[in-house]
Amino acid sequence: MKLKEIALDWLEYKKKFVKLSTYAYYKTIVVNHIIPSLGEIDIQYFTEESIQETVLQWQSGEAGNQELKVSTIKNMIMILKQCMKYAKKNQYTIMTDFSIHYAVAEHLPSKKVFDIPAQKQLIQAALSDFSPKTLGIIISISCGTRIGELCALQWKDINFEILL
């Protein structure tokens, strides 16, 4: 059985036990990173070395993506370990634990943020094509929220008295 199948099964299983925003984050990691890099490996041939090599590729940007931060990769490894525990629980493999090392970053990439004119331009573009998706963009820019926070937002979280 390939890791891709196990990871997708694990996602469906996990969906019942986590918030929707957490599930969306897990799915993003699995679909955009774990499956493209490791998904075709048969679970019986899965090794710590193959994971380690993939981590170094994620860090350096060799995996076809931009360089990923160590904190992001640690989250990805946590998800991968949960997939492996799920695989062992379902008797697909005996391997569940592995140790990963991270390359030392020689430089920290600076965060790129929109300046005020760019923010205004983005808000105007969103308003010209108003939809639930563009509303999310406007809220994120206006309030400084991250996408996960925005997805978890509920009506009870909004204080309408302050808005009046």
N, C-alpha and C. Protein backbone atom coordinates (compact mmCIF):
# COMPACT_ATOMS: atom_id res chain seq x y z
N MET A 1 0.84 -1.17 0.00
CA MET A 1 0.00 0.00 0.00
C MET A 1 0.89 1.24 0.00
N LYS A 2 0.55 2.21 -0.80
CA LYS A 2 1.34 3.43 -0.91
C LYS A 2 0.97 4.43 0.20
N LEU A 3 1.93 5.27 0.53
CA LEU A 3 1.71 6.28 1.58
C LEU A 3 0.55 7.19 1.21
N LYS A 4 0.40 7.47 -0.08
CA LYS A 4 -0.69 8.34 -0.54
C LYS A 4 -2.04 7.81 -0.04
N GLU A 5 -2.27 6.51 -0.21
CA GLU A 5 -3.54 5.91 0.20
C GLU A 5 -3.72 6.01 1.72
N ILE A 6 -2.65 5.75 2.45
CA ILE A 6 -2.72 5.80 3.91
C ILE A 6 -2.99 7.22 4.38
N ALA A 7 -2.30 8.20 3.79
CA ALA A 7 -2.48 9.59 4.19
C ALA A 7 -3.91 10.07 3.93
N LEU A 8 -4.47 9.69 2.80
CA LEU A 8 -5.85 10.08 2.49
C LEU A 8 -6.84 9.38 3.41
N ASP A 9 -6.60 8.11 3.73
CA ASP A 9 -7.45 7.40 4.69
C ASP A 9 -7.37 8.06 6.06
N TRP A 10 -6.14 8.40 6.48
CA TRP A 10 -5.94 9.06 7.78
C TRP A 10 -6.70 10.38 7.83
N LEU A 11 -6.65 11.14 6.74
CA LEU A 11 -7.38 12.42 6.69
C LEU A 11 -8.86 12.22 6.92
N GLU A 12 -9.45 11.23 6.25
CA GLU A 12 -10.88 10.96 6.42
C GLU A 12 -11.19 10.55 7.87
N TYR A 13 -10.32 9.75 8.44
CA TYR A 13 -10.48 9.32 9.83
C TYR A 13 -10.38 10.52 10.76
N LYS A 14 -9.37 11.36 10.56
CA LYS A 14 -9.10 12.49 11.44
C LYS A 14 -10.18 13.56 11.37
N LYS A 15 -10.85 13.65 10.24
CA LYS A 15 -11.88 14.67 10.00
C LYS A 15 -12.95 14.66 11.10
N LYS A 16 -13.23 13.50 11.67
CA LYS A 16 -14.26 13.36 12.69
C LYS A 16 -13.85 13.96 14.03
N PHE A 17 -12.55 14.17 14.23
CA PHE A 17 -12.05 14.50 15.56
C PHE A 17 -11.42 15.89 15.69
N VAL A 18 -11.35 16.65 14.60
CA VAL A 18 -10.71 17.96 14.66
C VAL A 18 -11.63 19.03 14.09
N LYS A 19 -11.31 20.29 14.44
CA LYS A 19 -12.07 21.41 13.89
C LYS A 19 -11.88 21.46 12.38
N LEU A 20 -12.83 22.08 11.71
CA LEU A 20 -12.77 22.20 10.25
C LEU A 20 -11.50 22.92 9.80
N SER A 21 -11.10 23.96 10.51
CA SER A 21 -9.89 24.69 10.13
C SER A 21 -8.64 23.82 10.29
N THR A 22 -8.61 22.97 11.32
CA THR A 22 -7.48 22.06 11.53
C THR A 22 -7.45 21.03 10.41
N TYR A 23 -8.62 20.50 10.08
CA TYR A 23 -8.70 19.53 8.98
C TYR A 23 -8.21 20.16 7.67
N ALA A 24 -8.61 21.40 7.42
CA ALA A 24 -8.19 22.09 6.19
C ALA A 24 -6.67 22.24 6.17
N TYR A 25 -6.08 22.55 7.32
CA TYR A 25 -4.62 22.68 7.40
C TYR A 25 -3.95 21.33 7.13
N TYR A 26 -4.45 20.28 7.78
CA TYR A 26 -3.90 18.94 7.57
C TYR A 26 -3.99 18.54 6.10
N LYS A 27 -5.14 18.80 5.51
CA LYS A 27 -5.35 18.41 4.10
C LYS A 27 -4.39 19.17 3.19
N THR A 28 -4.19 20.45 3.47
CA THR A 28 -3.25 21.24 2.68
C THR A 28 -1.85 20.64 2.73
N ILE A 29 -1.41 20.28 3.93
CA ILE A 29 -0.07 19.70 4.11
C ILE A 29 0.02 18.36 3.37
N VAL A 30 -0.98 17.52 3.55
CA VAL A 30 -0.96 16.19 2.93
C VAL A 30 -0.98 16.30 1.41
N VAL A 31 -1.89 17.09 0.87
CA VAL A 31 -2.07 17.17 -0.58
C VAL A 31 -0.94 17.94 -1.27
N ASN A 32 -0.46 19.02 -0.65
CA ASN A 32 0.54 19.87 -1.30
C ASN A 32 1.99 19.46 -1.05
N HIS A 33 2.24 18.71 0.02
CA HIS A 33 3.63 18.41 0.35
C HIS A 33 3.92 16.91 0.53
N ILE A 34 3.16 16.26 1.39
CA ILE A 34 3.47 14.87 1.71
C ILE A 34 3.23 13.95 0.52
N ILE A 35 2.06 14.05 -0.09
CA ILE A 35 1.77 13.18 -1.24
C ILE A 35 2.70 13.43 -2.42
N PRO A 36 2.92 14.70 -2.83
CA PRO A 36 3.84 14.89 -3.97
C PRO A 36 5.26 14.39 -3.70
N SER A 37 5.72 14.48 -2.46
CA SER A 37 7.10 14.09 -2.16
C SER A 37 7.26 12.62 -1.80
N LEU A 38 6.29 12.06 -1.07
CA LEU A 38 6.45 10.71 -0.53
C LEU A 38 5.30 9.77 -0.88
N GLY A 39 4.27 10.27 -1.51
CA GLY A 39 3.05 9.51 -1.72
C GLY A 39 3.17 8.23 -2.50
N GLU A 40 4.12 8.15 -3.42
CA GLU A 40 4.24 6.96 -4.27
C GLU A 40 5.10 5.86 -3.63
N ILE A 41 5.65 6.13 -2.46
CA ILE A 41 6.48 5.12 -1.78
C ILE A 41 5.57 4.07 -1.15
N ASP A 42 5.86 2.80 -1.41
CA ASP A 42 5.13 1.72 -0.77
C ASP A 42 5.47 1.74 0.72
N ILE A 43 4.48 1.65 1.56
CA ILE A 43 4.67 1.78 3.00
C ILE A 43 5.67 0.77 3.55
N GLN A 44 5.79 -0.39 2.91
CA GLN A 44 6.75 -1.40 3.36
C GLN A 44 8.20 -0.97 3.11
N TYR A 45 8.42 -0.04 2.16
CA TYR A 45 9.76 0.42 1.83
C TYR A 45 10.06 1.82 2.37
N PHE A 46 9.19 2.27 3.23
CA PHE A 46 9.32 3.60 3.81
C PHE A 46 10.44 3.58 4.85
N THR A 47 11.40 4.48 4.74
CA THR A 47 12.54 4.49 5.66
C THR A 47 12.76 5.87 6.24
N GLU A 48 13.46 5.88 7.36
CA GLU A 48 13.84 7.14 7.97
C GLU A 48 14.71 7.97 7.01
N GLU A 49 15.55 7.28 6.25
CA GLU A 49 16.43 7.96 5.31
C GLU A 49 15.63 8.68 4.20
N SER A 50 14.58 8.04 3.72
CA SER A 50 13.77 8.69 2.67
C SER A 50 13.06 9.93 3.22
N ILE A 51 12.65 9.85 4.46
CA ILE A 51 12.00 11.01 5.09
C ILE A 51 13.03 12.12 5.30
N GLN A 52 14.21 11.74 5.80
CA GLN A 52 15.26 12.73 6.05
C GLN A 52 15.64 13.46 4.75
N GLU A 53 15.80 12.72 3.68
CA GLU A 53 16.15 13.33 2.40
C GLU A 53 15.06 14.30 1.95
N THR A 54 13.82 13.91 2.13
CA THR A 54 12.69 14.77 1.75
C THR A 54 12.68 16.04 2.58
N VAL A 55 12.94 15.93 3.87
CA VAL A 55 12.97 17.11 4.74
C VAL A 55 14.04 18.10 4.27
N LEU A 56 15.21 17.60 3.93
CA LEU A 56 16.26 18.48 3.44
C LEU A 56 15.86 19.14 2.11
N GLN A 57 15.14 18.42 1.28
CA GLN A 57 14.64 19.00 0.02
C GLN A 57 13.60 20.08 0.30
N TRP A 58 12.70 19.84 1.26
CA TRP A 58 11.72 20.85 1.64
C TRP A 58 12.41 22.11 2.15
N GLN A 59 13.45 21.91 2.95
CA GLN A 59 14.17 23.06 3.51
C GLN A 59 14.89 23.86 2.44
N SER A 60 15.45 23.18 1.46
CA SER A 60 16.25 23.87 0.45
C SER A 60 15.43 24.36 -0.73
N GLY A 61 14.20 23.90 -0.84
CA GLY A 61 13.37 24.27 -1.98
C GLY A 61 13.55 23.35 -3.17
N GLU A 62 14.32 22.27 -3.00
CA GLU A 62 14.57 21.33 -4.10
C GLU A 62 13.35 20.49 -4.46
N ALA A 63 12.36 20.45 -3.59
CA ALA A 63 11.19 19.60 -3.82
C ALA A 63 10.20 20.25 -4.78
N GLY A 64 10.66 21.26 -5.51
CA GLY A 64 9.77 21.91 -6.48
C GLY A 64 8.98 23.05 -5.89
N ASN A 65 9.19 23.35 -4.63
CA ASN A 65 8.48 24.43 -3.96
C ASN A 65 9.48 25.47 -3.48
N GLN A 66 8.96 26.48 -2.84
CA GLN A 66 9.84 27.45 -2.20
C GLN A 66 10.42 26.82 -0.93
N GLU A 67 11.50 27.41 -0.41
CA GLU A 67 12.08 26.91 0.83
C GLU A 67 11.03 27.00 1.93
N LEU A 68 10.92 25.95 2.72
CA LEU A 68 9.97 25.95 3.82
C LEU A 68 10.69 26.17 5.14
N LYS A 69 10.02 26.86 6.06
CA LYS A 69 10.60 27.10 7.37
C LYS A 69 10.62 25.80 8.17
N VAL A 70 11.57 25.72 9.09
CA VAL A 70 11.67 24.53 9.94
C VAL A 70 10.38 24.33 10.72
N SER A 71 9.76 25.40 11.21
CA SER A 71 8.52 25.25 11.98
C SER A 71 7.42 24.63 11.12
N THR A 72 7.35 25.00 9.86
CA THR A 72 6.36 24.41 8.95
C THR A 72 6.67 22.93 8.72
N ILE A 73 7.95 22.63 8.51
CA ILE A 73 8.35 21.24 8.27
C ILE A 73 8.08 20.38 9.51
N LYS A 74 8.29 20.93 10.69
CA LYS A 74 8.00 20.18 11.92
C LYS A 74 6.52 19.83 11.99
N ASN A 75 5.66 20.74 11.58
CA ASN A 75 4.22 20.44 11.53
C ASN A 75 3.94 19.34 10.51
N MET A 76 4.63 19.39 9.38
CA MET A 76 4.45 18.38 8.36
C MET A 76 4.90 17.00 8.86
N ILE A 77 6.01 16.98 9.60
CA ILE A 77 6.51 15.72 10.16
C ILE A 77 5.55 15.19 11.22
N MET A 78 4.97 16.07 12.02
CA MET A 78 3.98 15.65 13.01
C MET A 78 2.79 14.96 12.32
N ILE A 79 2.34 15.53 11.21
CA ILE A 79 1.24 14.93 10.45
C ILE A 79 1.68 13.59 9.86
N LEU A 80 2.89 13.54 9.32
CA LEU A 80 3.40 12.29 8.76
C LEU A 80 3.50 11.21 9.84
N LYS A 81 3.94 11.57 11.03
CA LYS A 81 4.03 10.59 12.13
C LYS A 81 2.64 10.09 12.51
N GLN A 82 1.65 10.98 12.49
CA GLN A 82 0.28 10.54 12.78
C GLN A 82 -0.21 9.56 11.71
N CYS A 83 0.14 9.82 10.47
CA CYS A 83 -0.22 8.89 9.38
C CYS A 83 0.43 7.53 9.61
N MET A 84 1.69 7.54 10.05
CA MET A 84 2.41 6.28 10.28
C MET A 84 1.80 5.51 11.46
N LYS A 85 1.40 6.21 12.51
CA LYS A 85 0.74 5.54 13.64
C LYS A 85 -0.59 4.93 13.20
N TYR A 86 -1.29 5.67 12.35
CA TYR A 86 -2.54 5.16 11.80
C TYR A 86 -2.28 3.90 10.97
N ALA A 87 -1.20 3.93 10.19
CA ALA A 87 -0.84 2.77 9.36
C ALA A 87 -0.51 1.56 10.24
N LYS A 88 0.20 1.78 11.33
CA LYS A 88 0.55 0.66 12.21
C LYS A 88 -0.71 0.12 12.89
N LYS A 89 -1.55 1.03 13.36
CA LYS A 89 -2.80 0.63 14.01
C LYS A 89 -3.65 -0.25 13.09
N ASN A 90 -3.61 0.04 11.80
CA ASN A 90 -4.37 -0.73 10.81
C ASN A 90 -3.55 -1.84 10.17
N GLN A 91 -2.41 -2.11 10.75
CA GLN A 91 -1.53 -3.21 10.36
C GLN A 91 -1.01 -3.12 8.92
N TYR A 92 -0.74 -1.88 8.47
CA TYR A 92 -0.14 -1.69 7.16
C TYR A 92 1.37 -1.69 7.24
N THR A 93 1.91 -1.37 8.43
CA THR A 93 3.36 -1.27 8.60
C THR A 93 3.72 -1.52 10.06
N ILE A 94 5.01 -1.73 10.29
CA ILE A 94 5.48 -1.84 11.67
C ILE A 94 6.25 -0.58 12.08
N MET A 95 6.65 0.23 11.10
CA MET A 95 7.39 1.46 11.40
C MET A 95 6.45 2.56 11.86
N THR A 96 6.75 3.18 12.98
CA THR A 96 5.93 4.30 13.42
C THR A 96 6.74 5.51 13.82
N ASP A 97 7.96 5.30 14.27
CA ASP A 97 8.72 6.43 14.76
C ASP A 97 9.99 6.61 13.96
N PHE A 98 10.41 7.85 13.84
CA PHE A 98 11.64 8.16 13.14
C PHE A 98 12.17 9.48 13.69
N SER A 99 13.45 9.66 13.55
CA SER A 99 14.12 10.86 14.04
C SER A 99 14.59 11.67 12.84
N ILE A 100 14.30 12.97 12.87
CA ILE A 100 14.63 13.84 11.75
C ILE A 100 15.55 14.96 12.23
N HIS A 101 16.50 15.32 11.38
CA HIS A 101 17.41 16.44 11.67
C HIS A 101 17.15 17.53 10.63
N TYR A 102 17.35 18.76 11.05
CA TYR A 102 17.07 19.89 10.17
C TYR A 102 18.36 20.64 9.89
N ALA A 103 18.53 21.06 8.64
CA ALA A 103 19.72 21.83 8.27
C ALA A 103 19.66 23.19 8.97
N VAL A 104 20.81 23.69 9.33
CA VAL A 104 20.89 25.00 9.96
C VAL A 104 20.67 26.06 8.89
N ALA A 105 19.75 26.97 9.16
CA ALA A 105 19.47 28.03 8.21
C ALA A 105 20.58 29.07 8.27
N GLU A 106 21.17 29.37 7.13
CA GLU A 106 22.23 30.37 7.09
C GLU A 106 21.66 31.78 7.12
N HIS A 107 20.46 31.91 6.64
CA HIS A 107 19.82 33.22 6.67
C HIS A 107 18.33 33.00 6.89
N LEU A 108 17.72 33.94 7.55
CA LEU A 108 16.28 33.86 7.73
C LEU A 108 15.63 34.74 6.67
N PRO A 109 14.75 34.16 5.88
CA PRO A 109 14.10 34.98 4.86
C PRO A 109 13.20 36.04 5.52
N SER A 110 13.23 37.24 4.98
CA SER A 110 12.38 38.28 5.55
C SER A 110 10.95 38.05 5.08
N LYS A 111 10.02 38.42 5.94
CA LYS A 111 8.62 38.27 5.58
C LYS A 111 8.23 39.39 4.64
N LYS A 112 7.50 39.02 3.61
CA LYS A 112 7.04 40.00 2.65
C LYS A 112 5.60 40.35 2.98
N VAL A 113 5.34 41.63 3.18
CA VAL A 113 3.99 42.09 3.47
C VAL A 113 3.63 43.18 2.47
N PHE A 114 2.34 43.33 2.24
CA PHE A 114 1.88 44.38 1.34
C PHE A 114 2.02 45.73 2.03
N ASP A 115 2.50 46.74 1.29
CA ASP A 115 2.50 48.09 1.85
C ASP A 115 1.07 48.63 1.75
N ILE A 116 0.83 49.80 2.34
CA ILE A 116 -0.53 50.36 2.41
C ILE A 116 -1.14 50.56 1.02
N PRO A 117 -0.42 51.14 0.05
CA PRO A 117 -1.04 51.28 -1.29
C PRO A 117 -1.42 49.93 -1.91
N ALA A 118 -0.59 48.92 -1.71
CA ALA A 118 -0.91 47.60 -2.26
C ALA A 118 -2.13 47.01 -1.55
N GLN A 119 -2.23 47.23 -0.25
CA GLN A 119 -3.40 46.74 0.49
C GLN A 119 -4.68 47.40 -0.03
N LYS A 120 -4.62 48.71 -0.24
CA LYS A 120 -5.79 49.44 -0.75
C LYS A 120 -6.17 48.93 -2.15
N GLN A 121 -5.16 48.68 -2.97
CA GLN A 121 -5.42 48.18 -4.32
C GLN A 121 -6.07 46.79 -4.27
N LEU A 122 -5.60 45.95 -3.38
CA LEU A 122 -6.17 44.61 -3.24
C LEU A 122 -7.61 44.68 -2.73
N ILE A 123 -7.87 45.56 -1.79
CA ILE A 123 -9.24 45.73 -1.27
C ILE A 123 -10.17 46.21 -2.38
N GLN A 124 -9.72 47.18 -3.18
CA GLN A 124 -10.54 47.68 -4.29
C GLN A 124 -10.83 46.58 -5.31
N ALA A 125 -9.84 45.77 -5.61
CA ALA A 125 -10.04 44.66 -6.55
C ALA A 125 -11.04 43.66 -5.97
N ALA A 126 -10.94 43.39 -4.67
CA ALA A 126 -11.87 42.46 -4.03
C ALA A 126 -13.29 43.02 -4.03
N LEU A 127 -13.42 44.31 -3.80
CA LEU A 127 -14.76 44.94 -3.80
C LEU A 127 -15.38 44.94 -5.18
N SER A 128 -14.56 45.02 -6.22
CA SER A 128 -15.11 45.05 -7.58
C SER A 128 -15.64 43.69 -8.03
N ASP A 129 -15.23 42.64 -7.35
CA ASP A 129 -15.71 41.28 -7.65
C ASP A 129 -16.15 40.64 -6.35
N PHE A 130 -17.08 41.27 -5.66
CA PHE A 130 -17.46 40.87 -4.31
C PHE A 130 -18.09 39.48 -4.26
N SER A 131 -17.56 38.64 -3.38
CA SER A 131 -18.06 37.28 -3.17
C SER A 131 -17.62 36.85 -1.77
N PRO A 132 -18.07 35.68 -1.30
CA PRO A 132 -17.59 35.21 0.01
C PRO A 132 -16.06 35.09 0.06
N LYS A 133 -15.46 34.68 -1.03
CA LYS A 133 -13.99 34.53 -1.06
C LYS A 133 -13.31 35.89 -0.93
N THR A 134 -13.80 36.88 -1.70
CA THR A 134 -13.17 38.19 -1.63
C THR A 134 -13.48 38.88 -0.31
N LEU A 135 -14.62 38.58 0.29
CA LEU A 135 -14.92 39.10 1.62
C LEU A 135 -13.87 38.61 2.61
N GLY A 136 -13.47 37.35 2.48
CA GLY A 136 -12.42 36.80 3.35
C GLY A 136 -11.11 37.55 3.19
N ILE A 137 -10.79 37.93 1.97
CA ILE A 137 -9.57 38.70 1.72
C ILE A 137 -9.66 40.07 2.39
N ILE A 138 -10.80 40.70 2.26
CA ILE A 138 -10.99 42.03 2.87
C ILE A 138 -10.89 41.95 4.39
N ILE A 139 -11.53 40.95 4.98
CA ILE A 139 -11.46 40.79 6.44
C ILE A 139 -10.03 40.52 6.88
N SER A 140 -9.34 39.65 6.18
CA SER A 140 -7.95 39.33 6.55
C SER A 140 -7.06 40.56 6.51
N ILE A 141 -7.18 41.35 5.45
CA ILE A 141 -6.35 42.55 5.34
C ILE A 141 -6.75 43.58 6.39
N SER A 142 -8.03 43.77 6.59
CA SER A 142 -8.51 44.80 7.51
C SER A 142 -8.22 44.49 8.96
N CYS A 143 -8.28 43.21 9.31
CA CYS A 143 -8.13 42.82 10.71
C CYS A 143 -6.77 42.20 11.03
N GLY A 144 -6.00 41.89 10.03
CA GLY A 144 -4.70 41.27 10.26
C GLY A 144 -4.81 39.82 10.69
N THR A 145 -5.87 39.14 10.27
CA THR A 145 -6.03 37.74 10.63
C THR A 145 -5.36 36.83 9.63
N ARG A 146 -4.98 35.68 10.09
CA ARG A 146 -4.44 34.65 9.21
C ARG A 146 -5.60 33.82 8.68
N ILE A 147 -5.34 33.05 7.66
CA ILE A 147 -6.41 32.29 7.00
C ILE A 147 -7.04 31.27 7.96
N GLY A 148 -6.24 30.62 8.79
CA GLY A 148 -6.77 29.65 9.75
C GLY A 148 -7.69 30.30 10.77
N GLU A 149 -7.29 31.49 11.21
CA GLU A 149 -8.14 32.23 12.17
C GLU A 149 -9.45 32.65 11.51
N LEU A 150 -9.35 33.09 10.28
CA LEU A 150 -10.54 33.52 9.55
C LEU A 150 -11.50 32.34 9.32
N CYS A 151 -10.96 31.18 8.96
CA CYS A 151 -11.80 30.01 8.73
C CYS A 151 -12.50 29.54 10.00
N ALA A 152 -11.86 29.78 11.15
CA ALA A 152 -12.44 29.34 12.42
C ALA A 152 -13.42 30.35 13.00
N LEU A 153 -13.51 31.54 12.40
CA LEU A 153 -14.37 32.60 12.90
C LEU A 153 -15.84 32.18 12.88
N GLN A 154 -16.55 32.47 13.98
CA GLN A 154 -17.97 32.16 14.08
C GLN A 154 -18.72 33.43 14.43
N TRP A 155 -20.04 33.42 14.18
CA TRP A 155 -20.84 34.62 14.45
C TRP A 155 -20.74 35.05 15.91
N LYS A 156 -20.64 34.11 16.81
CA LYS A 156 -20.56 34.44 18.25
C LYS A 156 -19.27 35.20 18.58
N ASP A 157 -18.28 35.13 17.69
CA ASP A 157 -17.01 35.82 17.92
C ASP A 157 -17.06 37.30 17.59
N ILE A 158 -18.14 37.74 16.93
CA ILE A 158 -18.25 39.13 16.50
C ILE A 158 -19.09 39.91 17.50
N ASN A 159 -18.55 41.01 17.98
CA ASN A 159 -19.26 41.89 18.90
C ASN A 159 -19.91 42.99 18.08
N PHE A 160 -21.19 42.82 17.79
CA PHE A 160 -21.91 43.77 16.94
C PHE A 160 -22.16 45.09 17.65
N GLU A 161 -22.15 45.11 18.99
CA GLU A 161 -22.37 46.35 19.72
C GLU A 161 -21.25 47.35 19.46
N ILE A 162 -20.04 46.88 19.30
CA ILE A 162 -18.91 47.76 19.02
C ILE A 162 -19.05 48.36 17.61
N LEU A 163 -19.65 47.62 16.71
CA LEU A 163 -19.78 48.06 15.33
C LEU A 163 -20.81 49.16 15.15
N LEU A 164 -21.73 49.29 16.09
CA LEU A 164 -22.80 50.28 15.95
C LEU A 164 -22.40 51.66 16.37
